[in-house]
């Protein structure tokens, strides 16, 4: 089982956004949404990370039954 992708919360004009970070340190996802505070951005990143993990797990199950 792999480690969930880490994320970072970034201040932007008028709020915050987030990025998923690969194991080599490069950003993988640049969402367009902004959030009113860093907690809301972190929650959105956690939800996206969980969704990505769920989708990849389904693909892995089909490829390696």
PDB file of N, CA and C in Angstrom:
ATOM      1  N   UNK A   1       0.847  -1.173   0.000  1.00  0.00           N
ATOM      2  CA  UNK A   1       0.000   0.000   0.000  1.00  0.00           C
ATOM      3  C   UNK A   1       0.893   1.237   0.000  1.00  0.00           C
ATOM      4  N   UNK A   2       0.517   2.230  -0.783  1.00  0.00           N
ATOM      5  CA  UNK A   2       1.330   3.440  -0.877  1.00  0.00           C
ATOM      6  C   UNK A   2       0.882   4.476   0.153  1.00  0.00           C
ATOM      7  N   UNK A   3       1.764   5.409   0.408  1.00  0.00           N
ATOM      8  CA  UNK A   3       1.471   6.510   1.322  1.00  0.00           C
ATOM      9  C   UNK A   3       0.612   7.522   0.587  1.00  0.00           C
ATOM     10  N   UNK A   4      -0.450   8.061   1.209  1.00  0.00           N
ATOM     11  CA  UNK A   4      -1.259   9.069   0.534  1.00  0.00           C
ATOM     12  C   UNK A   4      -0.407  10.278   0.146  1.00  0.00           C
ATOM     13  N   UNK A   5      -0.757  10.874  -0.968  1.00  0.00           N
ATOM     14  CA  UNK A   5      -0.008  12.037  -1.447  1.00  0.00           C
ATOM     15  C   UNK A   5      -0.099  13.183  -0.446  1.00  0.00           C
ATOM     16  N   UNK A   6       1.039  13.786  -0.095  1.00  0.00           N
ATOM     17  CA  UNK A   6       1.000  14.956   0.786  1.00  0.00           C
ATOM     18  C   UNK A   6       0.461  16.163   0.023  1.00  0.00           C
ATOM     19  N   UNK A   7       0.095  17.167   0.753  1.00  0.00           N
ATOM     20  CA  UNK A   7      -0.405  18.388   0.118  1.00  0.00           C
ATOM     21  C   UNK A   7       0.159  19.589   0.847  1.00  0.00           C
ATOM     22  N   UNK A   8       0.051  20.749   0.183  1.00  0.00           N
ATOM     23  CA  UNK A   8       0.427  22.002   0.815  1.00  0.00           C
ATOM     24  C   UNK A   8      -0.691  23.006   0.605  1.00  0.00           C
ATOM     25  N   UNK A   9      -0.898  23.853   1.580  1.00  0.00           N
ATOM     26  CA  UNK A   9      -1.877  24.934   1.504  1.00  0.00           C
ATOM     27  C   UNK A   9      -1.098  26.208   1.200  1.00  0.00           C
ATOM     28  N   UNK A  10      -1.603  26.978   0.233  1.00  0.00           N
ATOM     29  CA  UNK A  10      -0.889  28.153  -0.264  1.00  0.00           C
ATOM     30  C   UNK A  10      -1.791  29.379  -0.196  1.00  0.00           C
ATOM     31  N   UNK A  11      -1.292  30.486   0.350  1.00  0.00           N
ATOM     32  CA  UNK A  11      -2.084  31.719   0.298  1.00  0.00           C
ATOM     33  C   UNK A  11      -2.110  32.273  -1.128  1.00  0.00           C
ATOM     34  N   UNK A  12      -3.280  32.706  -1.560  1.00  0.00           N
ATOM     35  CA  UNK A  12      -3.467  33.350  -2.865  1.00  0.00           C
ATOM     36  C   UNK A  12      -4.311  34.590  -2.658  1.00  0.00           C
ATOM     37  N   UNK A  13      -4.457  35.380  -3.693  1.00  0.00           N
ATOM     38  CA  UNK A  13      -5.272  36.593  -3.577  1.00  0.00           C
ATOM     39  C   UNK A  13      -6.676  36.258  -3.086  1.00  0.00           C
ATOM     40  N   UNK A  14      -7.036  36.798  -1.963  1.00  0.00           N
ATOM     41  CA  UNK A  14      -8.382  36.629  -1.444  1.00  0.00           C
ATOM     42  C   UNK A  14      -8.649  35.320  -0.732  1.00  0.00           C
ATOM     43  N   UNK A  15      -7.651  34.530  -0.411  1.00  0.00           N
ATOM     44  CA  UNK A  15      -7.911  33.283   0.299  1.00  0.00           C
ATOM     45  C   UNK A  15      -6.741  32.321   0.230  1.00  0.00           C
ATOM     46  N   UNK A  16      -7.094  31.031   0.146  1.00  0.00           N
ATOM     47  CA  UNK A  16      -6.096  29.964   0.133  1.00  0.00           C
ATOM     48  C   UNK A  16      -6.470  28.926  -0.907  1.00  0.00           C
ATOM     49  N   UNK A  17      -5.486  28.203  -1.371  1.00  0.00           N
ATOM     50  CA  UNK A  17      -5.707  27.049  -2.236  1.00  0.00           C
ATOM     51  C   UNK A  17      -4.741  25.948  -1.793  1.00  0.00           C
ATOM     52  N   UNK A  18      -4.712  24.838  -2.495  1.00  0.00           N
ATOM     53  CA  UNK A  18      -3.861  23.715  -2.104  1.00  0.00           C
ATOM     54  C   UNK A  18      -3.274  23.072  -3.342  1.00  0.00           C
ATOM     55  N   UNK A  19      -2.261  22.228  -3.151  1.00  0.00           N
ATOM     56  CA  UNK A  19      -1.641  21.425  -4.203  1.00  0.00           C
ATOM     57  C   UNK A  19      -1.322  20.048  -3.634  1.00  0.00           C
ATOM     58  N   UNK A  20      -1.561  18.999  -4.420  1.00  0.00           N
ATOM     59  CA  UNK A  20      -1.065  17.675  -4.064  1.00  0.00           C
ATOM     60  C   UNK A  20       0.387  17.607  -4.506  1.00  0.00           C
ATOM     61  N   UNK A  21       1.243  17.008  -3.691  1.00  0.00           N
ATOM     62  CA  UNK A  21       2.671  16.951  -3.942  1.00  0.00           C
ATOM     63  C   UNK A  21       3.092  15.489  -4.157  1.00  0.00           C
ATOM     64  N   UNK A  22       3.894  15.248  -5.196  1.00  0.00           N
ATOM     65  CA  UNK A  22       4.384  13.893  -5.464  1.00  0.00           C
ATOM     66  C   UNK A  22       5.516  13.539  -4.510  1.00  0.00           C
ATOM     67  N   UNK A  23       5.924  12.283  -4.539  1.00  0.00           N
ATOM     68  CA  UNK A  23       7.008  11.845  -3.652  1.00  0.00           C
ATOM     69  C   UNK A  23       8.339  12.519  -3.987  1.00  0.00           C
ATOM     70  N   UNK A  24       8.488  12.993  -5.226  1.00  0.00           N
ATOM     71  CA  UNK A  24       9.725  13.685  -5.597  1.00  0.00           C
ATOM     72  C   UNK A  24       9.649  15.186  -5.297  1.00  0.00           C
ATOM     73  N   UNK A  25       8.513  15.644  -4.770  1.00  0.00           N
ATOM     74  CA  UNK A  25       8.378  17.041  -4.377  1.00  0.00           C
ATOM     75  C   UNK A  25       7.713  17.942  -5.397  1.00  0.00           C
ATOM     76  N   UNK A  26       7.325  17.399  -6.541  1.00  0.00           N
ATOM     77  CA  UNK A  26       6.665  18.214  -7.565  1.00  0.00           C
ATOM     78  C   UNK A  26       5.161  18.241  -7.347  1.00  0.00           C
ATOM     79  N   UNK A  27       4.537  19.399  -7.571  1.00  0.00           N
ATOM     80  CA  UNK A  27       3.077  19.461  -7.482  1.00  0.00           C
ATOM     81  C   UNK A  27       2.423  18.617  -8.575  1.00  0.00           C
ATOM     82  N   UNK A  28       1.366  17.900  -8.211  1.00  0.00           N
ATOM     83  CA  UNK A  28       0.621  17.068  -9.153  1.00  0.00           C
ATOM     84  C   UNK A  28      -0.698  17.699  -9.568  1.00  0.00           C
ATOM     85  N   UNK A  29      -1.324  18.431  -8.662  1.00  0.00           N
ATOM     86  CA  UNK A  29      -2.651  18.999  -8.891  1.00  0.00           C
ATOM     87  C   UNK A  29      -2.627  20.471  -8.521  1.00  0.00           C
ATOM     88  N   UNK A  30      -3.128  21.302  -9.431  1.00  0.00           N
ATOM     89  CA  UNK A  30      -3.268  22.742  -9.189  1.00  0.00           C
ATOM     90  C   UNK A  30      -4.754  23.107  -9.296  1.00  0.00           C
ATOM     91  N   UNK A  31      -5.503  23.034  -8.222  1.00  0.00           N
ATOM     92  CA  UNK A  31      -6.931  23.362  -8.317  1.00  0.00           C
ATOM     93  C   UNK A  31      -7.141  24.861  -8.549  1.00  0.00           C
ATOM     94  N   UNK A  32      -8.244  25.195  -9.157  1.00  0.00           N
ATOM     95  CA  UNK A  32      -8.589  26.586  -9.422  1.00  0.00           C
ATOM     96  C   UNK A  32      -9.369  27.230  -8.283  1.00  0.00           C
ATOM     97  N   UNK A  33      -9.920  26.420  -7.399  1.00  0.00           N
ATOM     98  CA  UNK A  33     -10.752  26.928  -6.324  1.00  0.00           C
ATOM     99  C   UNK A  33      -9.911  27.661  -5.275  1.00  0.00           C
ATOM    100  N   UNK A  34     -10.525  28.660  -4.668  1.00  0.00           N
ATOM    101  CA  UNK A  34      -9.923  29.313  -3.506  1.00  0.00           C
ATOM    102  C   UNK A  34     -10.879  29.147  -2.329  1.00  0.00           C
ATOM    103  N   UNK A  35     -10.322  29.176  -1.139  1.00  0.00           N
ATOM    104  CA  UNK A  35     -11.084  28.941   0.081  1.00  0.00           C
ATOM    105  C   UNK A  35     -10.845  30.094   1.041  1.00  0.00           C
ATOM    106  N   UNK A  36     -11.809  30.369   1.917  1.00  0.00           N
ATOM    107  CA  UNK A  36     -11.706  31.548   2.782  1.00  0.00           C
ATOM    108  C   UNK A  36     -10.614  31.447   3.846  1.00  0.00           C
ATOM    109  N   UNK A  37     -10.228  30.215   4.204  1.00  0.00           N
ATOM    110  CA  UNK A  37      -9.179  30.066   5.226  1.00  0.00           C
ATOM    111  C   UNK A  37      -8.371  28.801   4.946  1.00  0.00           C
ATOM    112  N   UNK A  38      -7.263  28.679   5.652  1.00  0.00           N
ATOM    113  CA  UNK A  38      -6.375  27.544   5.396  1.00  0.00           C
ATOM    114  C   UNK A  38      -6.982  26.208   5.831  1.00  0.00           C
ATOM    115  N   UNK A  39      -7.872  26.229   6.819  1.00  0.00           N
ATOM    116  CA  UNK A  39      -8.513  24.987   7.253  1.00  0.00           C
ATOM    117  C   UNK A  39      -9.441  24.443   6.172  1.00  0.00           C
ATOM    118  N   UNK A  40     -10.192  25.329   5.517  1.00  0.00           N
ATOM    119  CA  UNK A  40     -11.089  24.902   4.439  1.00  0.00           C
ATOM    120  C   UNK A  40     -10.286  24.357   3.260  1.00  0.00           C
ATOM    121  N   UNK A  41      -9.167  24.990   2.940  1.00  0.00           N
ATOM    122  CA  UNK A  41      -8.311  24.505   1.854  1.00  0.00           C
ATOM    123  C   UNK A  41      -7.722  23.139   2.206  1.00  0.00           C
ATOM    124  N   UNK A  42      -7.294  22.958   3.442  1.00  0.00           N
ATOM    125  CA  UNK A  42      -6.747  21.667   3.878  1.00  0.00           C
ATOM    126  C   UNK A  42      -7.814  20.582   3.823  1.00  0.00           C
ATOM    127  N   UNK A  43      -9.038  20.899   4.229  1.00  0.00           N
ATOM    128  CA  UNK A  43     -10.119  19.918   4.152  1.00  0.00           C
ATOM    129  C   UNK A  43     -10.384  19.516   2.706  1.00  0.00           C
ATOM    130  N   UNK A  44     -10.362  20.482   1.777  1.00  0.00           N
ATOM    131  CA  UNK A  44     -10.573  20.183   0.361  1.00  0.00           C
ATOM    132  C   UNK A  44      -9.437  19.303  -0.173  1.00  0.00           C
ATOM    133  N   UNK A  45      -8.217  19.577   0.241  1.00  0.00           N
ATOM    134  CA  UNK A  45      -7.074  18.765  -0.190  1.00  0.00           C
ATOM    135  C   UNK A  45      -7.204  17.343   0.339  1.00  0.00           C
ATOM    136  N   UNK A  46      -7.618  17.187   1.580  1.00  0.00           N
ATOM    137  CA  UNK A  46      -7.791  15.858   2.155  1.00  0.00           C
ATOM    138  C   UNK A  46      -8.873  15.071   1.410  1.00  0.00           C
ATOM    139  N   UNK A  47      -9.965  15.746   1.044  1.00  0.00           N
ATOM    140  CA  UNK A  47     -11.036  15.088   0.297  1.00  0.00           C
ATOM    141  C   UNK A  47     -10.550  14.671  -1.094  1.00  0.00           C
ATOM    142  N   UNK A  48      -9.800  15.533  -1.753  1.00  0.00           N
ATOM    143  CA  UNK A  48      -9.269  15.204  -3.082  1.00  0.00           C
ATOM    144  C   UNK A  48      -8.280  14.047  -2.990  1.00  0.00           C
ATOM    145  N   UNK A  49      -7.449  14.060  -1.971  1.00  0.00           N
ATOM    146  CA  UNK A  49      -6.474  12.988  -1.771  1.00  0.00           C
ATOM    147  C   UNK A  49      -7.194  11.661  -1.532  1.00  0.00           C
ATOM    148  N   UNK A  50      -8.253  11.668  -0.739  1.00  0.00           N
ATOM    149  CA  UNK A  50      -9.015  10.443  -0.474  1.00  0.00           C
ATOM    150  C   UNK A  50      -9.694   9.940  -1.749  1.00  0.00           C
ATOM    151  N   UNK A  51     -10.220  10.854  -2.555  1.00  0.00           N
ATOM    152  CA  UNK A  51     -10.855  10.475  -3.813  1.00  0.00           C
ATOM    153  C   UNK A  51      -9.836   9.863  -4.772  1.00  0.00           C
ATOM    154  N   UNK A  52      -8.671  10.471  -4.869  1.00  0.00           N
ATOM    155  CA  UNK A  52      -7.613   9.945  -5.723  1.00  0.00           C
ATOM    156  C   UNK A  52      -7.192   8.548  -5.273  1.00  0.00           C
ATOM    157  N   UNK A  53      -7.068   8.357  -3.972  1.00  0.00           N
ATOM    158  CA  UNK A  53      -6.688   7.047  -3.431  1.00  0.00           C
ATOM    159  C   UNK A  53      -7.767   5.996  -3.729  1.00  0.00           C
ATOM    160  N   UNK A  54      -9.030   6.364  -3.568  1.00  0.00           N
ATOM    161  CA  UNK A  54     -10.126   5.426  -3.829  1.00  0.00           C
ATOM    162  C   UNK A  54     -10.152   5.019  -5.299  1.00  0.00           C
ATOM    163  N   UNK A  55      -9.964   5.983  -6.188  1.00  0.00           N
ATOM    164  CA  UNK A  55      -9.967   5.672  -7.623  1.00  0.00           C
ATOM    165  C   UNK A  55      -8.786   4.779  -7.997  1.00  0.00           C
ATOM    166  N   UNK A  56      -7.622   5.076  -7.471  1.00  0.00           N
ATOM    167  CA  UNK A  56      -6.457   4.256  -7.806  1.00  0.00           C
ATOM    168  C   UNK A  56      -6.582   2.850  -7.220  1.00  0.00           C
ATOM    169  N   UNK A  57      -7.199   2.726  -6.070  1.00  0.00           N
ATOM    170  CA  UNK A  57      -7.410   1.397  -5.481  1.00  0.00           C
ATOM    171  C   UNK A  57      -8.334   0.551  -6.347  1.00  0.00           C
ATOM    172  N   UNK A  58      -9.379   1.161  -6.909  1.00  0.00           N
ATOM    173  CA  UNK A  58     -10.284   0.427  -7.786  1.00  0.00           C
ATOM    174  C   UNK A  58      -9.546  -0.043  -9.042  1.00  0.00           C
ATOM    175  N   UNK A  59      -8.682   0.793  -9.595  1.00  0.00           N
ATOM    176  CA  UNK A  59      -7.911   0.415 -10.779  1.00  0.00           C
ATOM    177  C   UNK A  59      -6.956  -0.723 -10.430  1.00  0.00           C
ATOM    178  N   UNK A  60      -6.290  -0.621  -9.285  1.00  0.00           N
ATOM    179  CA  UNK A  60      -5.374  -1.673  -8.860  1.00  0.00           C
ATOM    180  C   UNK A  60      -6.081  -3.009  -8.674  1.00  0.00           C
ATOM    181  N   UNK A  61      -7.293  -2.984  -8.135  1.00  0.00           N
ATOM    182  CA  UNK A  61      -8.050  -4.222  -7.927  1.00  0.00           C
ATOM    183  C   UNK A  61      -8.404  -4.889  -9.254  1.00  0.00           C
ATOM    184  N   UNK A  62      -8.707  -4.099 -10.262  1.00  0.00           N
ATOM    185  CA  UNK A  62      -9.036  -4.657 -11.586  1.00  0.00           C
ATOM    186  C   UNK A  62      -7.767  -5.194 -12.247  1.00  0.00           C
ATOM    187  N   UNK A  63      -6.677  -4.463 -12.137  1.00  0.00           N
ATOM    188  CA  UNK A  63      -5.432  -4.866 -12.792  1.00  0.00           C
ATOM    189  C   UNK A  63      -4.758  -6.031 -12.083  1.00  0.00           C
ATOM    190  N   UNK A  64      -4.896  -6.119 -10.777  1.00  0.00           N
ATOM    191  CA  UNK A  64      -4.224  -7.165  -9.986  1.00  0.00           C
ATOM    192  C   UNK A  64      -5.224  -7.825  -9.042  1.00  0.00           C
ATOM    193  N   UNK A  65      -6.112  -8.669  -9.573  1.00  0.00           N
ATOM    194  CA  UNK A  65      -7.137  -9.299  -8.703  1.00  0.00           C
ATOM    195  C   UNK A  65      -6.565 -10.238  -7.676  1.00  0.00           C
TER     196      UNK A  65
END
